[in-house]
N, C-alpha and C. Protein backbone atom coordinates (compact mmCIF):
# COMPACT_ATOMS: atom_id res chain seq x y z
N MET A 1 47.58 -20.67 -45.98
CA MET A 1 48.99 -20.88 -46.25
C MET A 1 49.39 -19.96 -47.40
N SER A 2 50.58 -19.44 -47.23
CA SER A 2 51.08 -18.58 -48.30
C SER A 2 51.74 -19.42 -49.39
N LEU A 3 52.05 -18.79 -50.48
CA LEU A 3 52.65 -19.49 -51.62
C LEU A 3 54.01 -20.06 -51.25
N ARG A 4 54.77 -19.32 -50.42
CA ARG A 4 56.11 -19.81 -50.01
C ARG A 4 56.01 -21.06 -49.15
N GLU A 5 55.04 -21.08 -48.26
CA GLU A 5 54.88 -22.25 -47.40
C GLU A 5 54.47 -23.48 -48.21
N ILE A 6 53.63 -23.28 -49.20
CA ILE A 6 53.22 -24.40 -50.06
C ILE A 6 54.41 -24.91 -50.86
N GLU A 7 55.22 -23.99 -51.42
CA GLU A 7 56.41 -24.41 -52.17
C GLU A 7 57.40 -25.14 -51.28
N ARG A 8 57.58 -24.66 -50.05
CA ARG A 8 58.50 -25.29 -49.11
C ARG A 8 57.99 -26.70 -48.75
N SER A 9 56.68 -26.85 -48.55
CA SER A 9 56.09 -28.14 -48.22
C SER A 9 56.25 -29.11 -49.39
N ASN A 10 56.00 -28.63 -50.61
CA ASN A 10 56.16 -29.49 -51.79
C ASN A 10 57.61 -29.91 -51.97
N ARG A 11 58.54 -29.00 -51.76
CA ARG A 11 59.97 -29.32 -51.90
C ARG A 11 60.38 -30.37 -50.88
N PHE A 12 59.90 -30.21 -49.63
CA PHE A 12 60.23 -31.18 -48.59
C PHE A 12 59.67 -32.56 -48.95
N SER A 13 58.42 -32.62 -49.43
CA SER A 13 57.82 -33.89 -49.81
C SER A 13 58.58 -34.54 -50.96
N PHE A 14 59.02 -33.72 -51.94
CA PHE A 14 59.78 -34.26 -53.07
C PHE A 14 61.12 -34.82 -52.60
N ILE A 15 61.82 -34.10 -51.73
CA ILE A 15 63.12 -34.57 -51.23
C ILE A 15 62.94 -35.84 -50.41
N LEU A 16 61.89 -35.90 -49.59
CA LEU A 16 61.63 -37.10 -48.79
C LEU A 16 61.34 -38.30 -49.69
N ALA A 17 60.52 -38.13 -50.72
CA ALA A 17 60.19 -39.23 -51.64
C ALA A 17 61.44 -39.69 -52.38
N ALA A 18 62.24 -38.77 -52.88
CA ALA A 18 63.46 -39.14 -53.60
C ALA A 18 64.43 -39.88 -52.69
N THR A 19 64.53 -39.46 -51.44
CA THR A 19 65.42 -40.12 -50.49
C THR A 19 64.96 -41.56 -50.22
N LEU A 20 63.65 -41.74 -50.04
CA LEU A 20 63.13 -43.09 -49.79
C LEU A 20 63.34 -44.00 -50.99
N ILE A 21 63.14 -43.50 -52.19
CA ILE A 21 63.36 -44.31 -53.39
C ILE A 21 64.84 -44.68 -53.52
N ALA A 22 65.72 -43.72 -53.31
CA ALA A 22 67.16 -43.99 -53.40
C ALA A 22 67.58 -45.00 -52.34
N GLY A 23 67.04 -44.89 -51.13
CA GLY A 23 67.37 -45.84 -50.07
C GLY A 23 66.92 -47.25 -50.43
N GLY A 24 65.73 -47.37 -51.01
CA GLY A 24 65.26 -48.69 -51.42
C GLY A 24 66.13 -49.31 -52.50
N LEU A 25 66.55 -48.48 -53.45
CA LEU A 25 67.44 -49.00 -54.51
C LEU A 25 68.79 -49.42 -53.94
N ILE A 26 69.30 -48.67 -52.99
CA ILE A 26 70.59 -49.02 -52.38
C ILE A 26 70.48 -50.34 -51.62
N VAL A 27 69.41 -50.51 -50.83
CA VAL A 27 69.23 -51.75 -50.07
C VAL A 27 69.09 -52.93 -51.03
N THR A 28 68.36 -52.77 -52.12
CA THR A 28 68.21 -53.84 -53.10
C THR A 28 69.55 -54.21 -53.72
N GLY A 29 70.32 -53.21 -54.11
CA GLY A 29 71.63 -53.47 -54.71
C GLY A 29 72.57 -54.18 -53.75
N VAL A 30 72.60 -53.73 -52.50
CA VAL A 30 73.48 -54.36 -51.50
C VAL A 30 73.04 -55.81 -51.27
N SER A 31 71.74 -56.06 -51.22
CA SER A 31 71.25 -57.42 -51.00
C SER A 31 71.64 -58.33 -52.16
N LEU A 32 71.50 -57.86 -53.39
CA LEU A 32 71.88 -58.68 -54.54
C LEU A 32 73.39 -58.94 -54.56
N MET A 33 74.17 -57.94 -54.23
CA MET A 33 75.63 -58.15 -54.18
C MET A 33 75.98 -59.17 -53.11
N HIS A 34 75.30 -59.11 -51.97
CA HIS A 34 75.58 -60.04 -50.89
C HIS A 34 75.22 -61.47 -51.29
N LEU A 35 74.09 -61.64 -51.96
CA LEU A 35 73.68 -62.98 -52.39
C LEU A 35 74.64 -63.57 -53.41
N THR A 36 75.07 -62.77 -54.37
CA THR A 36 75.96 -63.30 -55.39
C THR A 36 77.36 -63.54 -54.86
N SER A 37 77.80 -62.79 -53.87
CA SER A 37 79.15 -62.99 -53.34
C SER A 37 79.22 -64.25 -52.48
N ARG A 38 78.14 -64.62 -51.81
CA ARG A 38 78.14 -65.82 -50.99
C ARG A 38 77.87 -67.07 -51.80
N GLY A 39 77.46 -66.92 -53.02
CA GLY A 39 77.22 -68.07 -53.88
C GLY A 39 75.91 -68.76 -53.58
N GLU A 40 74.96 -68.09 -52.95
CA GLU A 40 73.69 -68.71 -52.63
C GLU A 40 72.67 -68.58 -53.75
N LEU A 41 73.03 -67.92 -54.79
CA LEU A 41 72.13 -67.77 -55.91
C LEU A 41 72.15 -69.07 -56.69
N GLN A 42 71.10 -69.89 -56.56
CA GLN A 42 71.08 -71.23 -57.15
C GLN A 42 70.07 -71.28 -58.28
N LEU A 43 70.39 -72.11 -59.26
CA LEU A 43 69.49 -72.34 -60.38
C LEU A 43 68.85 -73.70 -60.21
N ALA A 44 67.72 -73.91 -60.83
CA ALA A 44 67.03 -75.19 -60.76
C ALA A 44 67.86 -76.26 -61.48
N GLN A 45 67.82 -77.46 -60.96
CA GLN A 45 68.56 -78.57 -61.56
C GLN A 45 67.58 -79.56 -62.15
N THR A 46 68.00 -80.20 -63.23
CA THR A 46 67.15 -81.20 -63.86
C THR A 46 67.36 -82.55 -63.20
N SER A 47 66.44 -83.45 -63.45
CA SER A 47 66.57 -84.80 -62.91
C SER A 47 67.61 -85.56 -63.73
N PRO A 48 68.13 -86.62 -63.18
CA PRO A 48 69.12 -87.39 -63.94
C PRO A 48 68.52 -87.93 -65.24
N SER A 49 69.36 -88.06 -66.27
CA SER A 49 68.86 -88.47 -67.57
C SER A 49 68.50 -89.96 -67.61
N THR A 50 69.15 -90.77 -66.80
CA THR A 50 68.83 -92.19 -66.77
C THR A 50 68.06 -92.46 -65.48
N PRO A 51 66.82 -92.93 -65.57
CA PRO A 51 66.03 -93.18 -64.36
C PRO A 51 66.61 -94.34 -63.57
N SER A 52 66.50 -94.23 -62.26
CA SER A 52 67.02 -95.31 -61.42
C SER A 52 66.02 -96.46 -61.37
N VAL A 53 66.49 -97.61 -60.94
CA VAL A 53 65.65 -98.79 -60.85
C VAL A 53 64.83 -98.68 -59.57
N PRO A 54 63.50 -98.83 -59.64
CA PRO A 54 62.68 -98.76 -58.43
C PRO A 54 63.04 -99.86 -57.45
N ALA A 55 62.78 -99.60 -56.17
CA ALA A 55 63.09 -100.58 -55.14
C ALA A 55 62.25 -101.84 -55.35
N GLY A 56 62.86 -102.98 -55.20
CA GLY A 56 62.15 -104.25 -55.34
C GLY A 56 62.12 -104.78 -56.76
N LYS A 57 62.67 -104.07 -57.73
CA LYS A 57 62.71 -104.56 -59.11
C LYS A 57 64.16 -104.84 -59.48
N SER A 58 64.34 -105.86 -60.27
CA SER A 58 65.71 -106.20 -60.66
C SER A 58 66.13 -105.48 -61.94
N ASP A 59 65.17 -105.06 -62.73
CA ASP A 59 65.52 -104.37 -63.97
C ASP A 59 64.82 -103.01 -64.02
N GLY A 60 65.30 -102.16 -64.87
CA GLY A 60 64.75 -100.82 -64.99
C GLY A 60 63.52 -100.78 -65.87
N PRO A 61 63.05 -99.59 -66.17
CA PRO A 61 61.88 -99.47 -67.03
C PRO A 61 62.18 -99.91 -68.45
N ALA A 62 61.14 -100.30 -69.16
CA ALA A 62 61.32 -100.75 -70.54
C ALA A 62 61.74 -99.59 -71.42
N GLU A 63 62.54 -99.88 -72.43
CA GLU A 63 63.01 -98.86 -73.35
C GLU A 63 61.88 -98.43 -74.28
N SER A 64 61.81 -97.14 -74.53
CA SER A 64 60.78 -96.65 -75.45
C SER A 64 61.35 -96.61 -76.85
N MET A 65 60.48 -96.88 -77.82
CA MET A 65 60.91 -96.85 -79.21
C MET A 65 60.13 -95.75 -79.94
N PRO A 66 60.80 -94.96 -80.77
CA PRO A 66 60.08 -93.91 -81.49
C PRO A 66 58.99 -94.51 -82.38
N GLY A 67 57.80 -93.98 -82.28
CA GLY A 67 56.70 -94.45 -83.11
C GLY A 67 56.05 -95.72 -82.60
N GLY A 68 56.62 -96.33 -81.59
CA GLY A 68 56.05 -97.57 -81.07
C GLY A 68 55.00 -97.29 -80.02
N THR A 69 54.48 -98.35 -79.47
CA THR A 69 53.48 -98.21 -78.41
C THR A 69 54.20 -98.07 -77.08
N ARG A 70 53.50 -97.49 -76.15
CA ARG A 70 54.08 -97.29 -74.83
C ARG A 70 54.13 -98.63 -74.10
N PRO A 71 55.29 -98.99 -73.55
CA PRO A 71 55.36 -100.26 -72.83
C PRO A 71 54.58 -100.17 -71.52
N THR A 72 53.77 -101.18 -71.26
CA THR A 72 53.01 -101.21 -70.02
C THR A 72 53.32 -102.50 -69.29
N THR A 73 54.27 -102.43 -68.38
CA THR A 73 54.63 -103.59 -67.59
C THR A 73 54.56 -103.19 -66.13
N PRO A 74 53.71 -103.65 -65.34
CA PRO A 74 52.60 -104.55 -65.61
C PRO A 74 51.47 -103.80 -66.29
N ALA A 75 50.53 -104.56 -66.84
CA ALA A 75 49.41 -103.95 -67.55
C ALA A 75 48.56 -103.13 -66.58
N PRO A 76 48.00 -102.01 -67.03
CA PRO A 76 47.18 -101.20 -66.13
C PRO A 76 45.91 -101.94 -65.74
N GLU A 77 45.48 -101.68 -64.52
CA GLU A 77 44.28 -102.33 -64.02
C GLU A 77 43.06 -101.46 -64.35
N PRO A 78 41.93 -102.08 -64.62
CA PRO A 78 40.74 -101.29 -64.93
C PRO A 78 40.22 -100.59 -63.68
N ALA A 79 39.49 -99.49 -63.90
CA ALA A 79 38.92 -98.76 -62.78
C ALA A 79 37.73 -99.50 -62.19
N ARG A 80 37.12 -100.37 -62.96
CA ARG A 80 35.97 -101.14 -62.48
C ARG A 80 36.41 -102.59 -62.24
N PRO A 81 36.06 -103.14 -61.09
CA PRO A 81 36.41 -104.55 -60.84
C PRO A 81 35.58 -105.48 -61.71
N SER A 82 36.06 -106.67 -61.89
CA SER A 82 35.34 -107.65 -62.70
C SER A 82 34.02 -108.01 -62.02
N GLU A 83 33.15 -108.70 -62.76
CA GLU A 83 31.85 -109.07 -62.20
C GLU A 83 32.01 -110.00 -61.01
N ASP A 84 32.99 -110.91 -61.09
CA ASP A 84 33.21 -111.83 -59.97
C ASP A 84 33.64 -111.06 -58.72
N ALA A 85 34.50 -110.06 -58.92
CA ALA A 85 34.96 -109.27 -57.77
C ALA A 85 33.82 -108.44 -57.20
N GLN A 86 32.93 -107.93 -58.07
CA GLN A 86 31.79 -107.16 -57.58
C GLN A 86 30.85 -108.05 -56.76
N LYS A 87 30.68 -109.28 -57.18
CA LYS A 87 29.83 -110.20 -56.43
C LYS A 87 30.43 -110.50 -55.07
N ALA A 88 31.78 -110.48 -55.00
CA ALA A 88 32.45 -110.75 -53.74
C ALA A 88 32.44 -109.53 -52.82
N GLY A 89 32.01 -108.37 -53.34
CA GLY A 89 31.90 -107.20 -52.48
C GLY A 89 32.83 -106.06 -52.83
N ALA A 90 33.60 -106.18 -53.90
CA ALA A 90 34.52 -105.11 -54.28
C ALA A 90 33.72 -103.95 -54.87
N LYS A 91 34.12 -102.73 -54.52
CA LYS A 91 33.43 -101.56 -55.04
C LYS A 91 34.28 -100.92 -56.14
N PRO A 92 33.65 -100.28 -57.12
CA PRO A 92 34.41 -99.62 -58.18
C PRO A 92 35.25 -98.47 -57.62
N ALA A 93 36.40 -98.23 -58.24
CA ALA A 93 37.27 -97.14 -57.80
C ALA A 93 36.69 -95.79 -58.19
N LEU A 94 35.90 -95.74 -59.26
CA LEU A 94 35.31 -94.50 -59.74
C LEU A 94 33.81 -94.61 -59.73
N PRO A 95 33.11 -93.50 -59.52
CA PRO A 95 31.65 -93.54 -59.61
C PRO A 95 31.24 -93.74 -61.06
N PRO A 96 30.00 -94.15 -61.29
CA PRO A 96 29.57 -94.33 -62.68
C PRO A 96 29.61 -93.02 -63.45
N ALA A 97 29.96 -93.11 -64.70
CA ALA A 97 30.07 -91.92 -65.53
C ALA A 97 28.69 -91.35 -65.80
N PRO A 98 28.57 -90.01 -65.83
CA PRO A 98 27.26 -89.43 -66.12
C PRO A 98 26.89 -89.65 -67.58
N ALA A 99 25.59 -89.67 -67.84
CA ALA A 99 25.13 -89.85 -69.21
C ALA A 99 25.50 -88.62 -70.03
N GLU A 100 25.84 -88.85 -71.30
CA GLU A 100 26.21 -87.72 -72.15
C GLU A 100 24.99 -86.91 -72.48
N LYS A 101 25.17 -85.60 -72.52
CA LYS A 101 24.08 -84.71 -72.83
C LYS A 101 24.29 -84.16 -74.23
N MET A 102 23.22 -84.12 -74.98
CA MET A 102 23.30 -83.58 -76.34
C MET A 102 22.67 -82.20 -76.34
N GLY A 103 23.36 -81.24 -76.91
CA GLY A 103 22.86 -79.89 -77.01
C GLY A 103 22.42 -79.59 -78.43
N GLU A 104 22.01 -78.38 -78.61
CA GLU A 104 21.62 -77.93 -79.93
C GLU A 104 22.85 -77.89 -80.84
N PRO A 105 22.71 -78.18 -82.12
CA PRO A 105 23.87 -78.11 -83.01
C PRO A 105 24.42 -76.70 -83.11
N VAL A 106 25.74 -76.60 -83.14
CA VAL A 106 26.39 -75.31 -83.25
C VAL A 106 26.51 -74.98 -84.72
N GLY A 107 26.09 -73.84 -85.13
CA GLY A 107 26.17 -73.45 -86.53
C GLY A 107 24.90 -72.75 -86.96
N LYS A 108 24.87 -72.37 -88.20
CA LYS A 108 23.74 -71.61 -88.73
C LYS A 108 22.68 -72.49 -89.31
């Protein structure tokens, strides 16, 4: 290939690349304009500030107090059933916890 043919090939490649980049930018701009003009560009919404009353309950959740303890109504159930329930055949909800392993002390 002569020097002119190489320059012509490089010029064609540069023009083709610039055209493709410009076309992509134009398509992106037109798409964004179309979305904003139709009003489909939506933002996330937060949940209502006052929680609704769950189905089957007559009152809502207990009010929280700053610095106070967390209200637990009804009280949480343990993961392990009582001894009487285990004798009746109830199985624990969680497997037994693994024994703690002690490693070498960290430090010098």
